[in-house]
Amino acid sequence: MATDVLSTPLGYKDVIKKRLWPLPIGWISAGLSAAMMTTMALWVVFVDDPFGGEPVAVVTIERQAPGVTIKDVEVVDVAPSLPSGDDPAQAGTDDPGRPPPPEIEFTDDLASDAGTRFALSTTPEAKLTEKGKYGTLPRIAEDGARPLDLYAAPVARGAVDSPKIVLVVNGLGLSQTGTQEAIRLLPSGVTLGFAPYGSSLERWVQRARQEGHELLLQLPLEPFDFPDNDPGPHTLLTKLSESQNRDRLHWLLARITNYVGVVNYMGARFTANSEVFAPVMRELENRGLLFFDDGSSSRSVADKLAKASKAPFAKADMTIDFVATPEQVDARLLQLEALARSRGLAVGVASALPVSIERIAEWAEGLEARGVFLVPPSYVARSDQAG
């Protein structure tokens, strides 16, 4: 039965209104929010790694002033001396059991023009070769000469007391067009690293030597995520025996000639394992080759193994095209140059990407005018041995 005014007792209607008055929602919401925040705070304080198991991505963000390029930077005070103050070519050796390394070859100061090229030998020295299962292998000659010595590019005399930069560009030989452009545009002071899988490798090697480039051979080594990330056929692996890795190494070393050493391609797992890496380093040293570490793995024991045996060795300080944009490549080149001025020597590595080739070529045009010289990795390795 419907309730109306006449049937409702006096005062009862007001009681109903009070009972149906809305609840204090705002206060309730605020109380719940405060409780949740308090719970989260206690969780973070008392739980180790509260977000453990969540996917995490770490990204390096480099700040750079917008619109600033390499052309906008002026360099002053360009001729600091090397920290040691010594001519590495005149230093001796403290190991009586090892023949002294040949003196480093310097040219007259003709390299002041970065476009000047000096042809290097394109035919393997007979005394530095031996016939292997897969082709011609490098070796130390009977008179003690090494591929590291006889295939090394000369260094301008002006570089001795000036800041120096080693710059290695890897990935040559895979792309015909890219290889041609790299050889055409890059100054001879830039060292070229050839992949062992390209076609017409010997033709490109000869062209690069004719243009004055010192050469390295890229050595595919096992990464941590192998086989998902596979460097290629004949990759040296931690699970293989010493003889199996040596056989693969010989196949790789026979791919090109007239190079001074090898540079790792990937290999974070392999270079972190002294047991499997040490025999490879010994084999390279016994063949008169240097090992160039591209610096991509902080776990690499290459420097430790090289110091223990006094093997020829060099290591990159930074990767130039980690972020492959013109602005970032320019910025990294300037950092490399600044490092050379502060330390006397800086070592960089890059890939044969079109943007890298273009920016390196432009940067190098005025490098010697700014008092900085490009030198090959053989200079660093031989200087360290002499010292």
Protein backbone atom coordinates (compact mmCIF):
# COMPACT_ATOMS: atom_id res chain seq x y z
CA MET A 1 0.00 0.00 0.00
CA ALA A 2 1.42 3.35 -1.05
CA THR A 3 2.46 5.75 1.64
CA ASP A 4 1.05 9.22 1.46
CA VAL A 5 1.10 12.29 3.59
CA LEU A 6 -2.14 11.44 5.39
CA SER A 7 -1.05 7.93 6.41
CA THR A 8 2.47 8.91 7.57
CA PRO A 9 2.88 9.66 11.24
CA LEU A 10 4.04 13.14 12.10
CA GLY A 11 7.88 13.44 12.13
CA TYR A 12 8.45 10.02 10.55
CA LYS A 13 9.15 11.46 7.09
CA ASP A 14 12.14 13.44 8.45
CA VAL A 15 13.59 10.29 9.96
CA ILE A 16 13.49 8.53 6.58
CA LYS A 17 15.31 11.43 4.91
CA LYS A 18 18.09 11.31 7.50
CA ARG A 19 18.56 7.55 7.03
CA LEU A 20 18.77 7.91 3.23
CA TRP A 21 21.27 10.78 3.35
CA PRO A 22 24.32 9.92 1.09
CA LEU A 23 27.39 8.34 2.73
CA PRO A 24 30.64 10.46 2.94
CA ILE A 25 32.23 8.96 -0.23
CA GLY A 26 35.04 11.51 -0.39
CA TRP A 27 36.30 10.70 3.09
CA ILE A 28 36.08 7.00 2.44
CA SER A 29 38.08 7.31 -0.83
CA ALA A 30 40.76 9.40 0.84
CA GLY A 31 41.09 6.82 3.61
CA LEU A 32 41.44 3.94 1.15
CA SER A 33 44.08 5.84 -0.88
CA ALA A 34 46.09 6.57 2.23
CA ALA A 35 45.95 2.91 3.25
CA MET A 36 47.13 1.78 -0.19
CA MET A 37 50.04 4.24 -0.22
CA THR A 38 51.10 3.15 3.24
CA THR A 39 51.03 -0.50 2.14
CA MET A 40 53.14 0.24 -0.95
CA ALA A 41 55.69 2.16 1.10
CA LEU A 42 56.06 -0.70 3.56
CA TRP A 43 56.40 -3.18 0.66
CA VAL A 44 59.20 -1.22 -0.98
CA VAL A 45 61.06 -0.80 2.32
CA PHE A 46 60.88 -4.39 3.51
CA VAL A 47 60.96 -6.39 0.21
CA ASP A 48 64.27 -6.85 -1.67
CA ASP A 49 63.91 -5.89 -5.35
CA PRO A 50 60.09 -5.38 -5.22
CA PHE A 51 59.94 -5.37 -9.00
CA GLY A 52 62.13 -8.46 -9.45
CA GLY A 53 60.91 -10.49 -12.40
CA GLU A 54 59.57 -7.44 -14.20
CA PRO A 55 61.13 -6.87 -17.64
CA VAL A 56 63.76 -4.12 -17.48
CA ALA A 57 65.35 -2.15 -20.30
CA VAL A 58 68.38 0.10 -19.77
CA VAL A 59 68.86 2.87 -22.31
CA THR A 60 71.81 5.25 -22.46
CA ILE A 61 70.66 8.79 -23.24
CA GLU A 62 73.37 11.17 -24.31
CA ARG A 63 72.55 14.85 -24.07
CA GLN A 64 73.66 17.08 -26.87
CA ALA A 65 72.94 20.69 -27.60
CA PRO A 66 70.54 20.89 -30.57
CA GLY A 67 72.03 22.13 -33.80
CA VAL A 68 75.68 21.67 -32.71
CA THR A 69 77.82 19.80 -35.21
CA ILE A 70 81.51 19.10 -35.60
CA LYS A 71 81.89 22.27 -37.68
CA ASP A 72 80.77 24.43 -34.76
CA VAL A 73 83.61 23.36 -32.46
CA GLU A 74 86.89 25.24 -32.39
CA VAL A 75 89.98 23.51 -30.99
CA VAL A 76 92.82 25.38 -29.31
CA ASP A 77 96.13 24.35 -27.70
CA VAL A 78 96.62 21.41 -30.02
CA ALA A 79 100.06 19.99 -29.23
CA PRO A 80 100.33 18.46 -25.77
CA SER A 81 103.15 15.97 -25.42
CA LEU A 82 102.69 12.31 -24.66
CA PRO A 83 102.53 11.42 -20.97
CA SER A 84 105.72 9.38 -21.15
CA GLY A 85 107.65 11.95 -23.12
CA ASP A 86 109.63 9.14 -24.78
CA ASP A 87 109.92 8.08 -28.39
CA PRO A 88 108.50 4.53 -28.32
CA ALA A 89 110.60 3.60 -31.33
CA GLN A 90 113.77 4.11 -29.30
CA ALA A 91 112.73 2.03 -26.28
CA GLY A 92 114.25 -1.39 -25.70
CA THR A 93 112.96 -4.67 -24.36
CA ASP A 94 113.46 -6.13 -20.91
CA ASP A 95 112.99 -9.73 -22.05
CA PRO A 96 116.37 -11.23 -23.04
CA GLY A 97 114.67 -14.33 -24.43
CA ARG A 98 112.66 -12.39 -26.98
CA PRO A 99 114.24 -10.73 -30.04
CA PRO A 100 113.76 -6.95 -29.96
CA PRO A 101 110.90 -5.78 -32.18
CA PRO A 102 111.93 -3.93 -35.33
CA GLU A 103 111.96 -0.18 -35.09
CA ILE A 104 108.70 1.50 -35.94
CA GLU A 105 108.78 2.92 -39.43
CA PHE A 106 108.19 6.65 -39.69
CA THR A 107 107.73 8.64 -42.87
CA ASP A 108 108.72 12.21 -43.49
CA ASP A 109 106.00 14.64 -42.53
CA LEU A 110 104.20 14.12 -45.83
CA ALA A 111 100.96 13.07 -44.25
CA SER A 112 99.94 16.62 -43.34
CA ASP A 113 97.42 16.39 -46.15
CA ALA A 114 94.80 13.89 -45.00
CA GLY A 115 93.99 13.07 -48.62
CA THR A 116 97.51 11.84 -49.38
CA ARG A 117 97.71 8.06 -49.83
CA PHE A 118 100.76 5.81 -49.70
CA ALA A 119 100.43 2.39 -51.32
CA LEU A 120 101.28 -0.62 -49.19
CA SER A 121 102.28 -4.10 -50.33
CA THR A 122 99.49 -6.17 -51.84
CA THR A 123 101.37 -9.45 -52.36
CA PRO A 124 102.10 -11.65 -49.33
CA GLU A 125 105.76 -11.85 -48.31
CA ALA A 126 106.92 -15.39 -49.03
CA LYS A 127 108.89 -15.62 -45.80
CA LEU A 128 105.76 -14.70 -43.83
CA THR A 129 103.54 -17.41 -45.27
CA GLU A 130 103.04 -21.14 -44.93
CA LYS A 131 100.72 -23.53 -46.70
CA GLY A 132 97.85 -24.64 -44.50
CA LYS A 133 94.93 -27.00 -44.83
CA TYR A 134 92.64 -24.18 -46.00
CA GLY A 135 95.10 -21.90 -47.78
CA THR A 136 97.92 -19.48 -47.00
CA LEU A 137 98.55 -18.85 -43.32
CA PRO A 138 100.63 -16.04 -41.80
CA ARG A 139 103.72 -16.94 -39.78
CA ILE A 140 106.85 -15.47 -38.23
CA ALA A 141 109.82 -15.54 -40.62
CA GLU A 142 113.09 -17.30 -39.84
CA ASP A 143 114.72 -13.91 -39.24
CA GLY A 144 112.06 -12.99 -36.66
CA ALA A 145 110.05 -10.65 -38.87
CA ARG A 146 106.32 -10.76 -38.22
CA PRO A 147 103.26 -9.88 -40.31
CA LEU A 148 102.67 -7.24 -37.62
CA ASP A 149 105.97 -5.64 -38.62
CA LEU A 150 106.11 -5.98 -42.39
CA TYR A 151 102.45 -5.29 -43.15
CA ALA A 152 102.23 -2.33 -40.76
CA ALA A 153 101.39 1.08 -42.19
CA PRO A 154 104.02 3.79 -41.68
CA VAL A 155 103.45 6.62 -39.23
CA ALA A 156 104.16 10.28 -39.94
CA ARG A 157 107.01 11.77 -37.91
CA GLY A 158 104.69 14.54 -36.78
CA ALA A 159 102.68 11.98 -34.83
CA VAL A 160 105.49 11.12 -32.40
CA ASP A 161 104.99 14.06 -30.04
CA SER A 162 101.36 14.80 -30.94
CA PRO A 163 98.00 13.41 -29.82
CA LYS A 164 97.20 10.23 -31.71
CA ILE A 165 94.02 8.36 -32.60
CA VAL A 166 93.61 4.75 -33.70
CA LEU A 167 90.34 4.30 -35.58
CA VAL A 168 89.23 0.88 -36.84
CA VAL A 169 86.23 0.50 -39.14
CA ASN A 170 84.89 -3.07 -39.23
CA GLY A 171 82.52 -4.93 -41.52
CA LEU A 172 84.35 -4.50 -44.81
CA GLY A 173 83.94 -7.10 -47.54
CA LEU A 174 80.28 -7.96 -46.96
CA SER A 175 78.75 -5.23 -49.12
CA GLN A 176 80.37 -4.48 -52.44
CA THR A 177 79.05 -0.92 -52.54
CA GLY A 178 79.78 -0.25 -48.87
CA THR A 179 83.32 -1.60 -49.14
CA GLN A 180 84.03 0.48 -52.22
CA GLU A 181 82.75 3.66 -50.57
CA ALA A 182 84.73 3.04 -47.40
CA ILE A 183 87.98 2.56 -49.31
CA ARG A 184 87.25 5.60 -51.47
CA LEU A 185 86.23 8.03 -48.74
CA LEU A 186 88.19 7.09 -45.63
CA PRO A 187 91.72 8.45 -45.19
CA SER A 188 94.53 5.93 -45.23
CA GLY A 189 95.12 6.44 -41.50
CA VAL A 190 91.88 4.59 -40.77
CA THR A 191 92.37 0.84 -40.30
CA LEU A 192 89.90 -1.47 -42.04
CA GLY A 193 88.58 -4.71 -40.54
CA PHE A 194 87.45 -7.32 -43.08
CA ALA A 195 84.79 -9.93 -42.32
CA PRO A 196 85.87 -13.46 -43.34
CA TYR A 197 82.66 -14.21 -45.26
CA GLY A 198 82.56 -11.65 -48.05
CA SER A 199 83.00 -12.39 -51.73
CA SER A 200 85.96 -11.07 -53.74
CA LEU A 201 87.81 -10.52 -50.49
CA GLU A 202 91.30 -10.66 -52.01
CA ARG A 203 90.37 -8.02 -54.58
CA TRP A 204 89.09 -5.66 -51.90
CA VAL A 205 92.13 -6.34 -49.71
CA GLN A 206 94.45 -5.39 -52.55
CA ARG A 207 92.46 -2.22 -53.23
CA ALA A 208 92.55 -1.23 -49.57
CA ARG A 209 96.32 -1.83 -49.36
CA GLN A 210 96.88 0.19 -52.51
CA GLU A 211 95.09 3.07 -50.79
CA GLY A 212 97.37 2.78 -47.76
CA HIS A 213 95.08 1.13 -45.20
CA GLU A 214 96.37 -1.20 -42.53
CA LEU A 215 94.14 -4.28 -42.27
CA LEU A 216 92.66 -6.49 -39.58
CA LEU A 217 90.70 -9.73 -39.97
CA GLN A 218 87.46 -10.03 -38.02
CA LEU A 219 87.43 -13.18 -35.88
CA PRO A 220 83.93 -14.55 -35.07
CA LEU A 221 83.77 -15.62 -31.43
CA GLU A 222 80.93 -17.07 -29.36
CA PRO A 223 78.56 -14.56 -27.71
CA PHE A 224 76.53 -15.30 -24.58
CA ASP A 225 73.29 -15.77 -26.53
CA PHE A 226 74.71 -18.26 -29.04
CA PRO A 227 73.17 -19.92 -31.07
CA ASP A 228 70.28 -17.44 -31.12
CA ASN A 229 72.90 -14.89 -32.08
CA ASP A 230 75.29 -16.67 -34.44
CA PRO A 231 78.40 -14.80 -35.71
CA GLY A 232 78.69 -17.17 -38.67
CA PRO A 233 80.41 -20.32 -39.95
CA HIS A 234 83.62 -21.43 -38.21
CA THR A 235 82.86 -19.38 -35.10
CA LEU A 236 85.20 -20.31 -32.24
CA LEU A 237 83.15 -21.87 -29.42
CA THR A 238 83.74 -22.57 -25.74
CA LYS A 239 82.36 -26.12 -26.03
CA LEU A 240 84.88 -27.14 -28.71
CA SER A 241 88.26 -28.69 -28.00
CA GLU A 242 91.48 -26.76 -28.44
CA SER A 243 92.27 -28.64 -31.67
CA GLN A 244 88.79 -27.98 -33.06
CA ASN A 245 89.05 -24.27 -32.39
CA ARG A 246 92.54 -24.21 -33.88
CA ASP A 247 91.21 -25.84 -37.04
CA ARG A 248 88.46 -23.21 -37.30
CA LEU A 249 91.00 -20.47 -36.60
CA HIS A 250 93.19 -21.68 -39.47
CA TRP A 251 90.22 -21.56 -41.84
CA LEU A 252 89.55 -17.97 -40.82
CA LEU A 253 93.19 -16.84 -40.97
CA ALA A 254 93.48 -18.14 -44.54
CA ARG A 255 90.65 -15.96 -45.83
CA ILE A 256 92.78 -12.89 -46.58
CA THR A 257 96.45 -11.88 -46.60
CA ASN A 258 98.61 -8.87 -45.73
CA TYR A 259 96.89 -8.11 -42.44
CA VAL A 260 98.60 -7.30 -39.13
CA GLY A 261 96.20 -9.02 -36.76
CA VAL A 262 92.64 -9.90 -35.86
CA VAL A 263 89.73 -8.12 -34.18
CA ASN A 264 86.96 -9.92 -32.34
CA TYR A 265 83.51 -10.09 -33.88
CA MET A 266 81.09 -10.56 -30.95
CA GLY A 267 82.60 -13.09 -28.53
CA ALA A 268 81.54 -11.92 -25.08
CA ARG A 269 81.35 -15.52 -23.80
CA PHE A 270 84.50 -16.73 -25.53
CA THR A 271 86.72 -13.81 -24.50
CA ALA A 272 85.59 -14.17 -20.88
CA ASN A 273 86.82 -17.80 -20.71
CA SER A 274 90.59 -17.92 -20.14
CA GLU A 275 90.77 -21.68 -20.61
CA VAL A 276 89.56 -21.63 -24.22
CA PHE A 277 90.79 -18.14 -25.12
CA ALA A 278 94.43 -18.52 -24.00
CA PRO A 279 95.36 -21.12 -26.69
CA VAL A 280 93.93 -18.82 -29.38
CA MET A 281 95.96 -15.88 -28.10
CA ARG A 282 99.10 -18.04 -28.10
CA GLU A 283 98.43 -19.18 -31.66
CA LEU A 284 98.04 -15.58 -32.81
CA GLU A 285 101.22 -14.50 -31.01
CA ASN A 286 103.17 -17.43 -32.49
CA ARG A 287 102.08 -16.29 -35.95
CA GLY A 288 103.19 -12.72 -35.38
CA LEU A 289 99.69 -11.22 -35.24
CA LEU A 290 98.14 -8.74 -32.83
CA PHE A 291 94.77 -9.11 -31.14
CA PHE A 292 92.56 -6.01 -31.23
CA ASP A 293 89.78 -6.00 -28.63
CA ASP A 294 86.84 -3.89 -29.81
CA GLY A 295 85.93 -3.13 -26.19
CA SER A 296 82.36 -4.41 -26.50
CA SER A 297 82.62 -6.78 -23.51
CA SER A 298 83.68 -5.71 -20.03
CA ARG A 299 84.32 -9.38 -19.17
CA SER A 300 87.03 -9.87 -21.77
CA VAL A 301 90.32 -11.22 -20.41
CA ALA A 302 92.21 -10.39 -23.60
CA ASP A 303 94.26 -7.63 -21.97
CA LYS A 304 95.18 -9.88 -19.04
CA LEU A 305 96.29 -12.71 -21.34
CA ALA A 306 98.25 -10.31 -23.54
CA LYS A 307 100.10 -8.81 -20.57
CA ALA A 308 100.95 -12.24 -19.21
CA SER A 309 102.60 -13.35 -22.45
CA LYS A 310 103.57 -9.89 -23.81
CA ALA A 311 101.51 -10.65 -26.90
CA PRO A 312 100.79 -7.78 -29.33
CA PHE A 313 97.55 -6.19 -28.20
CA ALA A 314 95.38 -3.09 -28.53
CA LYS A 315 91.93 -2.24 -27.19
CA ALA A 316 89.25 0.26 -28.18
CA ASP A 317 88.23 2.98 -25.75
CA MET A 318 84.85 3.66 -27.35
CA THR A 319 82.47 2.75 -30.16
CA ILE A 320 81.87 5.71 -32.45
CA ASP A 321 78.53 4.69 -33.96
CA PHE A 322 76.81 3.00 -31.03
CA VAL A 323 73.95 5.34 -31.93
CA ALA A 324 74.15 5.54 -35.73
CA THR A 325 72.92 9.07 -36.40
CA PRO A 326 75.02 11.89 -37.89
CA GLU A 327 74.72 13.97 -34.72
CA GLN A 328 75.75 11.17 -32.39
CA VAL A 329 78.63 10.01 -34.59
CA ASP A 330 79.92 13.59 -34.72
CA ALA A 331 79.63 13.88 -30.94
CA ARG A 332 81.53 10.63 -30.34
CA LEU A 333 84.29 11.64 -32.74
CA LEU A 334 84.73 14.85 -30.78
CA GLN A 335 84.89 12.83 -27.56
CA LEU A 336 87.55 10.60 -29.11
CA GLU A 337 89.56 13.64 -30.14
CA ALA A 338 89.27 15.15 -26.66
CA LEU A 339 90.43 11.87 -25.12
CA ALA A 340 93.48 11.83 -27.41
CA ARG A 341 94.38 15.35 -26.29
CA SER A 342 94.07 14.50 -22.61
CA ARG A 343 95.86 11.11 -22.70
CA GLY A 344 98.06 11.35 -25.79
CA LEU A 345 96.33 8.36 -27.42
CA ALA A 346 92.72 7.30 -27.95
CA VAL A 347 91.36 4.22 -29.72
CA GLY A 348 87.96 4.08 -31.42
CA VAL A 349 86.02 1.51 -33.40
CA ALA A 350 83.11 1.85 -35.82
CA SER A 351 81.11 -0.18 -38.33
CA ALA A 352 81.10 0.35 -42.09
CA LEU A 353 77.69 2.02 -42.04
CA PRO A 354 77.13 4.74 -44.66
CA VAL A 355 76.52 7.38 -41.99
CA SER A 356 79.70 6.38 -40.13
CA ILE A 357 81.82 6.46 -43.27
CA GLU A 358 80.50 9.87 -44.27
CA ARG A 359 80.96 11.50 -40.85
CA ILE A 360 84.41 9.98 -40.22
CA ALA A 361 85.61 11.14 -43.64
CA GLU A 362 84.50 14.73 -43.00
CA TRP A 363 85.88 14.77 -39.46
CA ALA A 364 89.28 13.48 -40.60
CA GLU A 365 89.74 16.17 -43.27
CA GLY A 366 91.01 18.77 -40.82
CA LEU A 367 92.32 16.46 -38.12
CA GLU A 368 96.04 16.94 -38.72
CA ALA A 369 95.55 20.69 -39.08
CA ARG A 370 94.16 20.53 -35.54
CA GLY A 371 97.33 18.77 -34.38
CA VAL A 372 95.99 15.22 -34.08
CA PHE A 373 97.29 12.26 -36.11
CA LEU A 374 95.70 8.97 -37.13
CA VAL A 375 97.93 5.97 -36.45
CA PRO A 376 97.31 2.25 -37.04
CA PRO A 377 96.82 -0.31 -34.25
CA SER A 378 100.18 -1.89 -35.11
CA TYR A 379 101.82 1.30 -33.81
CA VAL A 380 100.16 0.86 -30.41
CA ALA A 381 100.94 -2.86 -30.16
CA ARG A 382 104.58 -2.48 -31.18
CA SER A 383 105.10 0.55 -28.94
CA ASP A 384 103.74 -1.36 -25.95
CA GLN A 385 106.09 -4.25 -26.67
CA ALA A 386 109.05 -1.91 -27.07
CA GLY A 387 108.19 -0.23 -23.78
